[in-house]
């Protein structure tokens, strides 16, 4: 049995992985998947890839591209979710801020430097023509840290996937003042180069299994109820999310890679662009 340690956020996007593990789909191909949850998101997964704590990450596209350019010895093997990620822009429920414009020159809560919440705060600032050099951040670790930071006013807003944070909006913890979609496919599958060298066949079989699962995912009977129950979501929210979410079995295109890198360059978040061949690996 070949073992691969796979990391991902504990969110609804990754239910196909959990179902494939629970249904024994990987074991049919003699693969053992050890799943590791990363509530801290992209930055924590990048660190885990670098430290060889995981072999594979289901990770935000812009976050892994930035970190590969910064020296992370990993490659993108395919797109996982092709649709954009819709980032909700949240303030404390009792905040006096009522619009995105109100948040200019305030402090953003982010999980860690180089995380999705960090990078997307730049994209949001660019969208609204703010001075990106004036952005200020409070590192909070995860959603729990963000709740504390916003309630104590050590940060004024927090960006996170809007459906994941919807229960906190419904409970009156956060108030959402706007949204910011990624201008590219949101999640990719990244693998450490050492694993690609030594377990290429296992990685290929892993992708075959998960792609089979995602292709049929929306056809699972009562999948909406399953998602709503597991992720503490309202059924109508899950139905909306499923309508706008599409998984993928394809590699990132050169145009998509160029768009990500161009945005990162404009925002001075990377020192240079890399050739697509340095970022992706075609199995």
Protein backbone atom coordinates (compact mmCIF):
# COMPACT_ATOMS: atom_id res chain seq x y z
CA UNK A 1 0.00 0.00 0.00
CA UNK A 2 1.43 3.36 -1.06
CA UNK A 3 0.76 6.27 1.31
CA UNK A 4 0.26 9.92 0.38
CA UNK A 5 -0.31 12.64 2.99
CA UNK A 6 -2.82 15.14 1.61
CA UNK A 7 -3.59 18.53 3.14
CA UNK A 8 -6.58 20.77 2.60
CA UNK A 9 -8.87 23.26 4.27
CA UNK A 10 -11.75 21.82 6.34
CA UNK A 11 -14.33 23.20 3.93
CA UNK A 12 -17.05 21.91 1.62
CA UNK A 13 -14.80 22.03 -1.47
CA UNK A 14 -12.95 18.99 -0.13
CA UNK A 15 -15.91 16.72 0.62
CA UNK A 16 -15.11 14.63 -2.51
CA UNK A 17 -11.79 13.69 -0.89
CA UNK A 18 -13.43 12.63 2.35
CA UNK A 19 -16.08 10.61 0.57
CA UNK A 20 -13.46 8.88 -1.58
CA UNK A 21 -11.49 8.00 1.56
CA UNK A 22 -14.59 6.82 3.44
CA UNK A 23 -15.81 4.77 0.46
CA UNK A 24 -12.42 3.06 0.12
CA UNK A 25 -11.96 4.32 -3.44
CA UNK A 26 -8.22 4.90 -3.07
CA UNK A 27 -7.65 1.47 -1.52
CA UNK A 28 -8.87 -0.19 -4.71
CA UNK A 29 -5.77 1.26 -6.33
CA UNK A 30 -3.59 0.28 -3.36
CA UNK A 31 -3.20 3.86 -2.14
CA UNK A 32 -3.60 5.02 1.44
CA UNK A 33 -4.55 8.68 1.79
CA UNK A 34 -3.74 10.33 5.12
CA UNK A 35 -5.82 13.51 5.20
CA UNK A 36 -4.60 16.51 7.22
CA UNK A 37 -6.90 19.48 7.89
CA UNK A 38 -5.40 22.98 7.67
CA UNK A 39 -7.84 25.51 9.19
CA UNK A 40 -5.08 28.12 8.80
CA UNK A 41 -5.32 27.78 5.01
CA UNK A 42 -2.77 28.37 2.27
CA UNK A 43 0.15 29.70 4.31
CA UNK A 44 0.04 26.73 6.67
CA UNK A 45 -0.08 24.27 3.77
CA UNK A 46 2.83 25.94 2.00
CA UNK A 47 4.87 25.60 5.20
CA UNK A 48 3.85 21.94 5.51
CA UNK A 49 4.93 21.21 1.92
CA UNK A 50 8.28 22.90 2.54
CA UNK A 51 8.76 20.98 5.81
CA UNK A 52 7.78 17.64 4.21
CA UNK A 53 4.85 17.28 6.63
CA UNK A 54 2.50 16.60 3.71
CA UNK A 55 3.07 15.32 0.18
CA UNK A 56 0.08 16.90 -1.56
CA UNK A 57 -1.90 20.11 -0.98
CA UNK A 58 -5.32 21.15 -2.23
CA UNK A 59 -4.41 24.79 -2.24
CA UNK A 60 -5.29 28.24 -3.57
CA UNK A 61 -3.82 28.86 -7.02
CA UNK A 62 -2.29 32.27 -6.31
CA UNK A 63 -0.87 31.13 -2.97
CA UNK A 64 1.05 28.14 -4.27
CA UNK A 65 2.30 29.99 -7.36
CA UNK A 66 3.67 32.75 -5.14
CA UNK A 67 5.35 30.23 -2.85
CA UNK A 68 6.87 28.14 -5.67
CA UNK A 69 8.44 31.34 -6.99
CA UNK A 70 9.73 31.94 -3.45
CA UNK A 71 11.40 28.51 -3.39
CA UNK A 72 8.74 25.97 -2.40
CA UNK A 73 9.97 22.72 -4.06
CA UNK A 74 6.52 21.72 -5.33
CA UNK A 75 4.63 21.70 -8.62
CA UNK A 76 1.00 22.04 -9.66
CA UNK A 77 -0.25 18.78 -11.19
CA UNK A 78 -3.79 19.92 -12.06
CA UNK A 79 -6.62 22.31 -11.37
CA UNK A 80 -9.00 21.03 -8.67
CA UNK A 81 -11.79 23.64 -8.63
CA UNK A 82 -12.01 25.62 -11.86
CA UNK A 83 -14.61 28.18 -10.78
CA UNK A 84 -13.49 31.32 -8.93
CA UNK A 85 -13.43 31.46 -5.15
CA UNK A 86 -15.86 34.03 -3.80
CA UNK A 87 -14.17 35.81 -0.91
CA UNK A 88 -16.55 37.49 1.51
CA UNK A 89 -15.33 40.75 3.03
CA UNK A 90 -16.40 40.74 6.66
CA UNK A 91 -16.51 43.19 9.55
CA UNK A 92 -17.58 42.67 13.15
CA UNK A 93 -21.37 42.59 13.39
CA UNK A 94 -21.29 45.70 15.58
CA UNK A 95 -18.84 47.59 13.39
CA UNK A 96 -19.69 51.06 12.09
CA UNK A 97 -18.33 50.12 8.64
CA UNK A 98 -21.06 49.50 6.08
CA UNK A 99 -19.26 49.23 2.73
CA UNK A 100 -15.97 48.16 1.19
CA UNK A 101 -15.13 51.82 0.60
CA UNK A 102 -15.33 52.44 4.36
CA UNK A 103 -12.47 49.98 4.90
CA UNK A 104 -9.79 51.91 3.03
CA UNK A 105 -6.85 52.67 5.37
CA UNK A 106 -8.07 50.18 7.99
CA UNK A 107 -6.32 46.95 9.06
CA UNK A 108 -7.07 43.54 7.53
CA UNK A 109 -7.03 40.38 9.61
CA UNK A 110 -5.11 37.66 7.74
CA UNK A 111 -4.31 34.07 8.65
CA UNK A 112 -0.58 34.58 7.91
CA UNK A 113 1.71 36.35 5.46
CA UNK A 114 1.49 34.78 2.02
CA UNK A 115 -1.91 33.26 2.77
CA UNK A 116 -4.98 33.57 0.56
CA UNK A 117 -6.50 36.11 2.92
CA UNK A 118 -3.28 38.14 2.64
CA UNK A 119 -2.99 37.98 -1.16
CA UNK A 120 -6.66 38.64 -1.81
CA UNK A 121 -6.59 41.76 0.34
CA UNK A 122 -4.23 43.16 -2.32
CA UNK A 123 -6.55 42.08 -5.13
CA UNK A 124 -9.47 43.74 -3.35
CA UNK A 125 -7.44 46.92 -2.81
CA UNK A 126 -6.45 46.95 -6.47
CA UNK A 127 -10.08 46.48 -7.53
CA UNK A 128 -11.05 49.58 -5.56
CA UNK A 129 -8.01 51.67 -6.54
CA UNK A 130 -6.58 51.84 -3.02
CA UNK A 131 -2.89 52.41 -2.36
CA UNK A 132 -1.69 48.83 -1.90
CA UNK A 133 1.51 50.05 -0.22
CA UNK A 134 -0.63 51.45 2.59
CA UNK A 135 -2.26 48.11 3.43
CA UNK A 136 -1.90 47.06 7.06
CA UNK A 137 -2.32 43.56 8.48
CA UNK A 138 -3.00 41.73 11.72
CA UNK A 139 -1.92 38.06 11.66
CA UNK A 140 -4.67 35.99 13.32
CA UNK A 141 -3.98 32.37 12.34
CA UNK A 142 -7.49 31.27 11.40
CA UNK A 143 -11.19 32.16 11.57
CA UNK A 144 -11.22 31.89 15.37
CA UNK A 145 -8.40 34.41 15.56
CA UNK A 146 -10.23 36.67 13.12
CA UNK A 147 -13.38 36.65 15.27
CA UNK A 148 -11.31 37.78 18.25
CA UNK A 149 -9.40 40.43 16.27
CA UNK A 150 -12.53 42.00 14.79
CA UNK A 151 -14.44 41.95 18.08
CA UNK A 152 -11.49 43.62 19.85
CA UNK A 153 -10.92 46.05 16.94
CA UNK A 154 -7.26 45.04 16.51
CA UNK A 155 -8.30 44.52 12.88
CA UNK A 156 -11.33 45.91 11.06
CA UNK A 157 -12.05 43.43 8.27
CA UNK A 158 -11.42 39.82 7.32
CA UNK A 159 -11.60 38.11 3.93
CA UNK A 160 -12.52 34.42 3.77
CA UNK A 161 -14.56 32.13 1.53
CA UNK A 162 -18.08 33.53 1.79
CA UNK A 163 -19.99 30.27 2.24
CA UNK A 164 -17.61 29.01 4.94
CA UNK A 165 -18.17 32.21 6.92
CA UNK A 166 -21.91 32.41 6.19
CA UNK A 167 -22.88 30.63 9.46
CA UNK A 168 -20.97 33.34 11.38
CA UNK A 169 -22.89 35.99 9.46
CA UNK A 170 -26.17 34.22 10.22
CA UNK A 171 -25.27 34.04 13.93
CA UNK A 172 -24.49 37.77 14.09
CA UNK A 173 -20.74 37.38 14.64
CA UNK A 174 -19.68 38.86 11.30
CA UNK A 175 -21.43 41.16 8.86
CA UNK A 176 -20.50 40.85 5.17
CA UNK A 177 -20.06 44.17 3.37
CA UNK A 178 -19.06 42.79 -0.02
CA UNK A 179 -17.48 40.04 -2.10
CA UNK A 180 -14.25 39.65 -4.08
CA UNK A 181 -14.00 36.74 -6.56
CA UNK A 182 -10.64 35.41 -7.68
CA UNK A 183 -9.96 36.22 -11.36
CA UNK A 184 -8.70 32.65 -11.97
CA UNK A 185 -9.49 29.02 -11.02
CA UNK A 186 -9.42 28.89 -7.25
CA UNK A 187 -7.96 25.54 -6.14
CA UNK A 188 -5.16 23.43 -7.60
CA UNK A 189 -3.46 20.20 -6.53
CA UNK A 190 0.23 20.70 -5.72
CA UNK A 191 2.74 17.94 -5.02
CA UNK A 192 6.25 18.07 -3.62
CA UNK A 193 8.86 17.49 -6.36
CA UNK A 194 10.49 14.71 -4.34
CA UNK A 195 7.16 12.85 -4.26
CA UNK A 196 6.73 13.33 -8.02
CA UNK A 197 10.16 11.79 -8.55
CA UNK A 198 9.66 8.84 -6.22
CA UNK A 199 5.89 8.14 -6.31
CA UNK A 200 4.79 9.40 -9.70
CA UNK A 201 2.53 6.38 -10.35
CA UNK A 202 0.84 6.76 -6.96
CA UNK A 203 0.17 10.43 -7.65
CA UNK A 204 -1.29 9.57 -11.06
CA UNK A 205 -3.59 6.95 -9.51
CA UNK A 206 -4.61 9.38 -6.76
CA UNK A 207 -5.67 11.93 -9.38
CA UNK A 208 -7.62 9.32 -11.30
CA UNK A 209 -9.60 8.41 -8.17
CA UNK A 210 -10.37 11.96 -7.05
CA UNK A 211 -11.28 13.06 -10.58
CA UNK A 212 -13.74 10.19 -10.85
CA UNK A 213 -15.29 11.37 -7.59
CA UNK A 214 -15.58 15.02 -8.55
CA UNK A 215 -17.06 14.24 -11.98
CA UNK A 216 -20.01 12.47 -10.33
CA UNK A 217 -20.10 14.53 -7.12
CA UNK A 218 -23.17 16.63 -7.92
CA UNK A 219 -25.09 13.49 -8.88
CA UNK A 220 -24.76 11.92 -5.40
CA UNK A 221 -28.29 11.53 -3.96
CA UNK A 222 -29.06 14.28 -1.42
CA UNK A 223 -25.52 15.67 -1.66
CA UNK A 224 -26.91 19.10 -0.73
CA UNK A 225 -28.21 17.76 2.60
CA UNK A 226 -24.92 15.95 3.24
CA UNK A 227 -22.92 19.12 2.65
CA UNK A 228 -25.27 21.25 4.74
CA UNK A 229 -25.07 18.83 7.68
CA UNK A 230 -21.31 18.28 7.60
CA UNK A 231 -20.37 21.92 7.18
CA UNK A 232 -23.07 23.60 9.28
CA UNK A 233 -24.58 25.35 6.29
CA UNK A 234 -28.12 26.30 5.35
CA UNK A 235 -29.51 24.14 2.56
CA UNK A 236 -30.29 27.14 0.34
CA UNK A 237 -26.69 28.38 0.70
CA UNK A 238 -25.29 24.99 -0.29
CA UNK A 239 -27.59 24.84 -3.33
CA UNK A 240 -26.35 28.26 -4.43
CA UNK A 241 -22.73 27.21 -3.88
CA UNK A 242 -23.15 24.02 -5.91
CA UNK A 243 -24.63 25.98 -8.80
CA UNK A 244 -21.58 28.24 -9.10
CA UNK A 245 -18.89 25.65 -8.33
CA UNK A 246 -17.22 23.44 -10.93
CA UNK A 247 -14.43 20.93 -10.42
CA UNK A 248 -11.76 20.19 -13.00
CA UNK A 249 -9.56 17.36 -14.25
CA UNK A 250 -7.36 19.63 -16.39
CA UNK A 251 -4.03 21.35 -15.90
CA UNK A 252 -3.80 25.12 -15.52
CA UNK A 253 -3.45 26.81 -18.90
CA UNK A 254 -0.53 29.07 -19.75
CA UNK A 255 -2.99 31.98 -19.95
CA UNK A 256 -4.24 31.31 -16.41
CA UNK A 257 -0.69 31.07 -15.09
CA UNK A 258 0.22 34.32 -16.82
CA UNK A 259 -2.80 36.09 -15.33
CA UNK A 260 -1.92 35.02 -11.79
CA UNK A 261 1.72 36.01 -12.14
CA UNK A 262 0.90 39.32 -13.79
CA UNK A 263 -1.38 40.26 -10.90
CA UNK A 264 1.22 39.22 -8.34
CA UNK A 265 3.87 41.26 -10.17
CA UNK A 266 1.68 44.37 -10.35
CA UNK A 267 1.18 44.13 -6.59
CA UNK A 268 4.92 43.56 -5.97
CA UNK A 269 4.19 40.21 -4.33
CA UNK A 270 6.70 38.29 -6.48
CA UNK A 271 10.13 39.43 -7.70
CA UNK A 272 9.88 37.72 -11.10
CA UNK A 273 7.73 35.52 -13.29
CA UNK A 274 8.64 31.89 -13.88
CA UNK A 275 8.07 29.87 -17.01
CA UNK A 276 4.97 27.68 -16.74
CA UNK A 277 7.23 24.60 -16.87
CA UNK A 278 8.73 25.64 -13.51
CA UNK A 279 5.29 25.83 -11.88
CA UNK A 280 3.39 22.86 -13.31
CA UNK A 281 4.13 19.17 -13.79
CA UNK A 282 2.25 17.14 -16.37
CA UNK A 283 1.89 13.51 -15.35
